[in-house]
Amino acid sequence: MRKFNKEKFLKTDFGSELESTVRALDFYLSEKSKISQWKEPEKYRARQKDIDKLFAQWEVYKLAVKQFYGVEYSFTRTDEYCGCCTEDESDWLFKVDRELA
């Protein structure tokens, strides 16, 4: 396995696209939560389709990082933050803190 330099990795096209995908997932999940599936079913389904596509992309990134660097990251999000970390949150690829209003 290669040594995993997270900072350098996130500056690559692959790393920056991984981060963009995770940020988009977080955004679309937040947006979907504001849509009523009963009042706006088409908009709700469209947002879910976007989310499904992003999760599929995330799975590819996740597998590639595990294959090449031996680290398995998970997508995580809470009210306080989102990002990619190991299951026990001891190692973060990146973390985005939310600005709570």
N, C-alpha and C. Protein backbone atom coordinates (compact mmCIF):
# COMPACT_ATOMS: atom_id res chain seq x y z
N MET A 1 0.83 -1.20 0.00
CA MET A 1 0.00 0.00 0.00
C MET A 1 0.88 1.26 0.00
N ARG A 2 0.41 2.24 -0.69
CA ARG A 2 1.10 3.53 -0.69
C ARG A 2 0.76 4.29 0.58
N LYS A 3 1.71 5.15 1.01
CA LYS A 3 1.41 6.03 2.14
C LYS A 3 0.35 7.02 1.67
N PHE A 4 -0.63 7.25 2.51
CA PHE A 4 -1.76 8.09 2.12
C PHE A 4 -1.57 9.49 2.67
N ASN A 5 -1.22 10.42 1.78
CA ASN A 5 -1.10 11.82 2.13
C ASN A 5 -2.44 12.48 1.77
N LYS A 6 -3.26 12.68 2.79
CA LYS A 6 -4.63 13.18 2.57
C LYS A 6 -4.64 14.55 1.91
N GLU A 7 -3.76 15.44 2.33
CA GLU A 7 -3.75 16.80 1.78
C GLU A 7 -3.44 16.76 0.28
N LYS A 8 -2.42 15.99 -0.09
CA LYS A 8 -2.08 15.87 -1.52
C LYS A 8 -3.21 15.20 -2.29
N PHE A 9 -3.78 14.16 -1.70
CA PHE A 9 -4.87 13.44 -2.35
C PHE A 9 -6.05 14.36 -2.65
N LEU A 10 -6.43 15.18 -1.69
CA LEU A 10 -7.58 16.06 -1.88
C LEU A 10 -7.33 17.15 -2.92
N LYS A 11 -6.05 17.39 -3.27
CA LYS A 11 -5.72 18.36 -4.30
C LYS A 11 -5.72 17.75 -5.70
N THR A 12 -5.79 16.41 -5.78
CA THR A 12 -5.86 15.76 -7.09
C THR A 12 -7.26 15.92 -7.66
N ASP A 13 -7.41 15.68 -8.95
CA ASP A 13 -8.74 15.72 -9.56
C ASP A 13 -9.65 14.71 -8.89
N PHE A 14 -9.14 13.51 -8.65
CA PHE A 14 -9.95 12.45 -8.03
C PHE A 14 -10.38 12.86 -6.62
N GLY A 15 -9.44 13.35 -5.84
CA GLY A 15 -9.74 13.76 -4.47
C GLY A 15 -10.71 14.93 -4.40
N SER A 16 -10.51 15.90 -5.28
CA SER A 16 -11.40 17.06 -5.25
C SER A 16 -12.81 16.67 -5.71
N GLU A 17 -12.92 15.75 -6.66
CA GLU A 17 -14.24 15.28 -7.09
C GLU A 17 -14.91 14.46 -5.99
N LEU A 18 -14.13 13.66 -5.26
CA LEU A 18 -14.67 12.93 -4.12
C LEU A 18 -15.26 13.91 -3.12
N GLU A 19 -14.49 14.94 -2.77
CA GLU A 19 -14.98 15.93 -1.81
C GLU A 19 -16.21 16.66 -2.35
N SER A 20 -16.22 17.01 -3.61
CA SER A 20 -17.39 17.67 -4.21
C SER A 20 -18.62 16.77 -4.15
N THR A 21 -18.42 15.48 -4.38
CA THR A 21 -19.53 14.53 -4.33
C THR A 21 -20.11 14.47 -2.92
N VAL A 22 -19.25 14.42 -1.92
CA VAL A 22 -19.72 14.35 -0.53
C VAL A 22 -20.45 15.64 -0.15
N ARG A 23 -19.91 16.78 -0.56
CA ARG A 23 -20.57 18.05 -0.26
C ARG A 23 -21.93 18.13 -0.97
N ALA A 24 -21.99 17.64 -2.21
CA ALA A 24 -23.26 17.64 -2.94
C ALA A 24 -24.26 16.70 -2.27
N LEU A 25 -23.80 15.55 -1.83
CA LEU A 25 -24.69 14.63 -1.11
C LEU A 25 -25.30 15.31 0.11
N ASP A 26 -24.47 15.96 0.87
CA ASP A 26 -24.95 16.66 2.06
C ASP A 26 -25.97 17.73 1.67
N PHE A 27 -25.67 18.50 0.64
CA PHE A 27 -26.57 19.56 0.19
C PHE A 27 -27.92 18.99 -0.26
N TYR A 28 -27.88 17.98 -1.13
CA TYR A 28 -29.13 17.42 -1.65
C TYR A 28 -29.94 16.72 -0.57
N LEU A 29 -29.29 16.07 0.37
CA LEU A 29 -30.03 15.46 1.48
C LEU A 29 -30.74 16.54 2.31
N SER A 30 -30.06 17.66 2.51
CA SER A 30 -30.69 18.77 3.24
C SER A 30 -31.86 19.35 2.45
N GLU A 31 -31.66 19.52 1.16
CA GLU A 31 -32.72 20.06 0.31
C GLU A 31 -33.92 19.13 0.25
N LYS A 32 -33.66 17.83 0.15
CA LYS A 32 -34.75 16.86 0.08
C LYS A 32 -35.60 16.90 1.34
N SER A 33 -34.96 17.16 2.46
CA SER A 33 -35.70 17.19 3.73
C SER A 33 -36.70 18.35 3.78
N LYS A 34 -36.54 19.33 2.90
CA LYS A 34 -37.43 20.48 2.87
C LYS A 34 -38.61 20.29 1.90
N ILE A 35 -38.60 19.17 1.17
CA ILE A 35 -39.62 18.92 0.15
C ILE A 35 -40.62 17.89 0.68
N SER A 36 -41.88 18.16 0.51
CA SER A 36 -42.92 17.21 0.88
C SER A 36 -43.10 16.20 -0.25
N GLN A 37 -42.93 14.94 0.07
CA GLN A 37 -43.13 13.93 -0.98
C GLN A 37 -44.59 13.82 -1.39
N TRP A 38 -45.50 14.35 -0.58
CA TRP A 38 -46.92 14.29 -0.90
C TRP A 38 -47.38 15.51 -1.68
N LYS A 39 -46.82 16.68 -1.36
CA LYS A 39 -47.22 17.91 -2.05
C LYS A 39 -46.44 18.13 -3.34
N GLU A 40 -45.20 17.67 -3.37
CA GLU A 40 -44.34 17.86 -4.54
C GLU A 40 -43.67 16.54 -4.92
N PRO A 41 -44.46 15.54 -5.30
CA PRO A 41 -43.88 14.21 -5.54
C PRO A 41 -42.84 14.17 -6.66
N GLU A 42 -43.03 14.94 -7.72
CA GLU A 42 -42.07 14.93 -8.82
C GLU A 42 -40.74 15.54 -8.39
N LYS A 43 -40.81 16.65 -7.69
CA LYS A 43 -39.59 17.30 -7.20
C LYS A 43 -38.87 16.39 -6.18
N TYR A 44 -39.64 15.73 -5.34
CA TYR A 44 -39.09 14.82 -4.34
C TYR A 44 -38.38 13.65 -5.02
N ARG A 45 -39.04 13.05 -6.02
CA ARG A 45 -38.43 11.92 -6.74
C ARG A 45 -37.17 12.35 -7.49
N ALA A 46 -37.20 13.53 -8.07
CA ALA A 46 -36.03 14.03 -8.79
C ALA A 46 -34.86 14.23 -7.84
N ARG A 47 -35.13 14.78 -6.68
CA ARG A 47 -34.06 14.98 -5.69
C ARG A 47 -33.51 13.63 -5.23
N GLN A 48 -34.41 12.64 -5.03
CA GLN A 48 -33.97 11.31 -4.62
C GLN A 48 -33.10 10.66 -5.70
N LYS A 49 -33.45 10.90 -6.95
CA LYS A 49 -32.66 10.37 -8.07
C LYS A 49 -31.25 10.97 -8.05
N ASP A 50 -31.16 12.28 -7.79
CA ASP A 50 -29.85 12.94 -7.67
C ASP A 50 -29.05 12.32 -6.53
N ILE A 51 -29.70 12.09 -5.41
CA ILE A 51 -29.03 11.52 -4.23
C ILE A 51 -28.56 10.10 -4.52
N ASP A 52 -29.39 9.31 -5.18
CA ASP A 52 -29.00 7.94 -5.52
C ASP A 52 -27.76 7.93 -6.42
N LYS A 53 -27.73 8.84 -7.39
CA LYS A 53 -26.58 8.94 -8.29
C LYS A 53 -25.32 9.32 -7.51
N LEU A 54 -25.45 10.27 -6.61
CA LEU A 54 -24.29 10.71 -5.82
C LEU A 54 -23.79 9.60 -4.89
N PHE A 55 -24.71 8.84 -4.31
CA PHE A 55 -24.29 7.73 -3.46
C PHE A 55 -23.56 6.66 -4.28
N ALA A 56 -24.01 6.43 -5.51
CA ALA A 56 -23.32 5.48 -6.39
C ALA A 56 -21.90 5.97 -6.69
N GLN A 57 -21.76 7.26 -6.96
CA GLN A 57 -20.43 7.83 -7.20
C GLN A 57 -19.57 7.69 -5.94
N TRP A 58 -20.14 7.98 -4.78
CA TRP A 58 -19.42 7.88 -3.53
C TRP A 58 -18.87 6.45 -3.34
N GLU A 59 -19.68 5.46 -3.66
CA GLU A 59 -19.24 4.07 -3.50
C GLU A 59 -18.00 3.77 -4.35
N VAL A 60 -17.94 4.32 -5.54
CA VAL A 60 -16.77 4.14 -6.40
C VAL A 60 -15.54 4.80 -5.77
N TYR A 61 -15.70 6.03 -5.29
CA TYR A 61 -14.58 6.71 -4.64
C TYR A 61 -14.11 5.92 -3.42
N LYS A 62 -15.05 5.48 -2.62
CA LYS A 62 -14.76 4.74 -1.40
C LYS A 62 -13.96 3.46 -1.71
N LEU A 63 -14.40 2.72 -2.72
CA LEU A 63 -13.70 1.50 -3.11
C LEU A 63 -12.30 1.78 -3.64
N ALA A 64 -12.15 2.83 -4.40
CA ALA A 64 -10.83 3.18 -4.95
C ALA A 64 -9.86 3.56 -3.84
N VAL A 65 -10.30 4.35 -2.89
CA VAL A 65 -9.42 4.74 -1.77
C VAL A 65 -9.02 3.50 -0.97
N LYS A 66 -9.96 2.63 -0.74
CA LYS A 66 -9.65 1.40 -0.01
C LYS A 66 -8.66 0.54 -0.80
N GLN A 67 -8.86 0.41 -2.08
CA GLN A 67 -8.00 -0.41 -2.93
C GLN A 67 -6.57 0.13 -2.98
N PHE A 68 -6.43 1.43 -3.18
CA PHE A 68 -5.11 2.00 -3.39
C PHE A 68 -4.39 2.43 -2.12
N TYR A 69 -5.15 2.76 -1.08
CA TYR A 69 -4.52 3.26 0.14
C TYR A 69 -4.83 2.42 1.38
N GLY A 70 -5.72 1.46 1.26
CA GLY A 70 -6.01 0.56 2.37
C GLY A 70 -6.81 1.18 3.50
N VAL A 71 -7.47 2.29 3.24
CA VAL A 71 -8.27 2.96 4.27
C VAL A 71 -9.73 2.96 3.81
N GLU A 72 -10.62 2.57 4.71
CA GLU A 72 -12.04 2.58 4.37
C GLU A 72 -12.72 3.75 5.07
N TYR A 73 -13.15 4.70 4.27
CA TYR A 73 -13.86 5.86 4.80
C TYR A 73 -15.36 5.70 4.59
N SER A 74 -16.12 6.37 5.44
CA SER A 74 -17.56 6.39 5.35
C SER A 74 -18.02 7.83 5.20
N PHE A 75 -19.13 8.00 4.53
CA PHE A 75 -19.79 9.31 4.46
C PHE A 75 -20.53 9.49 5.78
N THR A 76 -20.37 10.65 6.39
CA THR A 76 -21.07 10.91 7.65
C THR A 76 -21.63 12.33 7.63
N ARG A 77 -22.75 12.48 8.30
CA ARG A 77 -23.32 13.83 8.42
C ARG A 77 -24.17 13.89 9.68
N THR A 78 -24.06 15.02 10.35
CA THR A 78 -24.87 15.30 11.53
C THR A 78 -25.34 16.74 11.40
N ASP A 79 -26.02 17.23 12.43
CA ASP A 79 -26.41 18.64 12.42
C ASP A 79 -25.19 19.55 12.51
N GLU A 80 -24.09 19.05 13.07
CA GLU A 80 -22.90 19.87 13.28
C GLU A 80 -21.88 19.81 12.15
N TYR A 81 -21.83 18.69 11.40
CA TYR A 81 -20.79 18.53 10.38
C TYR A 81 -21.16 17.46 9.36
N CYS A 82 -20.36 17.40 8.29
CA CYS A 82 -20.42 16.30 7.33
C CYS A 82 -19.00 16.04 6.88
N GLY A 83 -18.78 14.90 6.27
CA GLY A 83 -17.46 14.59 5.76
C GLY A 83 -17.24 13.11 5.56
N CYS A 84 -15.96 12.74 5.51
CA CYS A 84 -15.54 11.35 5.31
C CYS A 84 -14.60 10.97 6.43
N CYS A 85 -14.91 9.86 7.08
CA CYS A 85 -14.07 9.41 8.19
C CYS A 85 -14.14 7.89 8.29
N THR A 86 -13.24 7.34 9.09
CA THR A 86 -13.32 5.91 9.38
C THR A 86 -14.54 5.68 10.25
N GLU A 87 -14.97 4.44 10.35
CA GLU A 87 -16.20 4.13 11.07
C GLU A 87 -16.19 4.64 12.52
N ASP A 88 -15.03 4.56 13.16
CA ASP A 88 -14.94 5.01 14.56
C ASP A 88 -14.62 6.51 14.69
N GLU A 89 -14.56 7.21 13.57
CA GLU A 89 -14.27 8.65 13.50
C GLU A 89 -12.88 9.01 14.05
N SER A 90 -11.96 8.04 14.06
CA SER A 90 -10.61 8.33 14.55
C SER A 90 -9.73 8.94 13.45
N ASP A 91 -10.13 8.78 12.20
CA ASP A 91 -9.35 9.30 11.07
C ASP A 91 -10.30 9.95 10.09
N TRP A 92 -10.07 11.23 9.83
CA TRP A 92 -10.91 11.99 8.90
C TRP A 92 -10.15 12.27 7.62
N LEU A 93 -10.79 11.99 6.49
CA LEU A 93 -10.24 12.44 5.21
C LEU A 93 -10.48 13.94 5.11
N PHE A 94 -11.70 14.36 5.42
CA PHE A 94 -12.02 15.78 5.57
C PHE A 94 -13.32 15.91 6.35
N LYS A 95 -13.48 17.04 6.96
CA LYS A 95 -14.67 17.33 7.79
C LYS A 95 -15.09 18.77 7.51
N VAL A 96 -16.38 18.96 7.29
CA VAL A 96 -16.93 20.29 7.04
C VAL A 96 -17.85 20.63 8.21
N ASP A 97 -17.44 21.60 9.00
CA ASP A 97 -18.28 22.02 10.14
C ASP A 97 -19.37 22.94 9.61
N ARG A 98 -20.56 22.77 10.16
CA ARG A 98 -21.68 23.61 9.75
C ARG A 98 -21.68 24.89 10.61
N GLU A 99 -22.16 25.93 9.98
CA GLU A 99 -22.40 27.16 10.72
C GLU A 99 -23.82 27.09 11.23
N LEU A 100 -23.95 26.89 12.52
CA LEU A 100 -25.30 26.78 13.10
C LEU A 100 -25.86 28.15 13.37
N ALA A 101 -27.08 28.35 12.91
CA ALA A 101 -27.71 29.67 13.05
C ALA A 101 -28.29 29.86 14.43
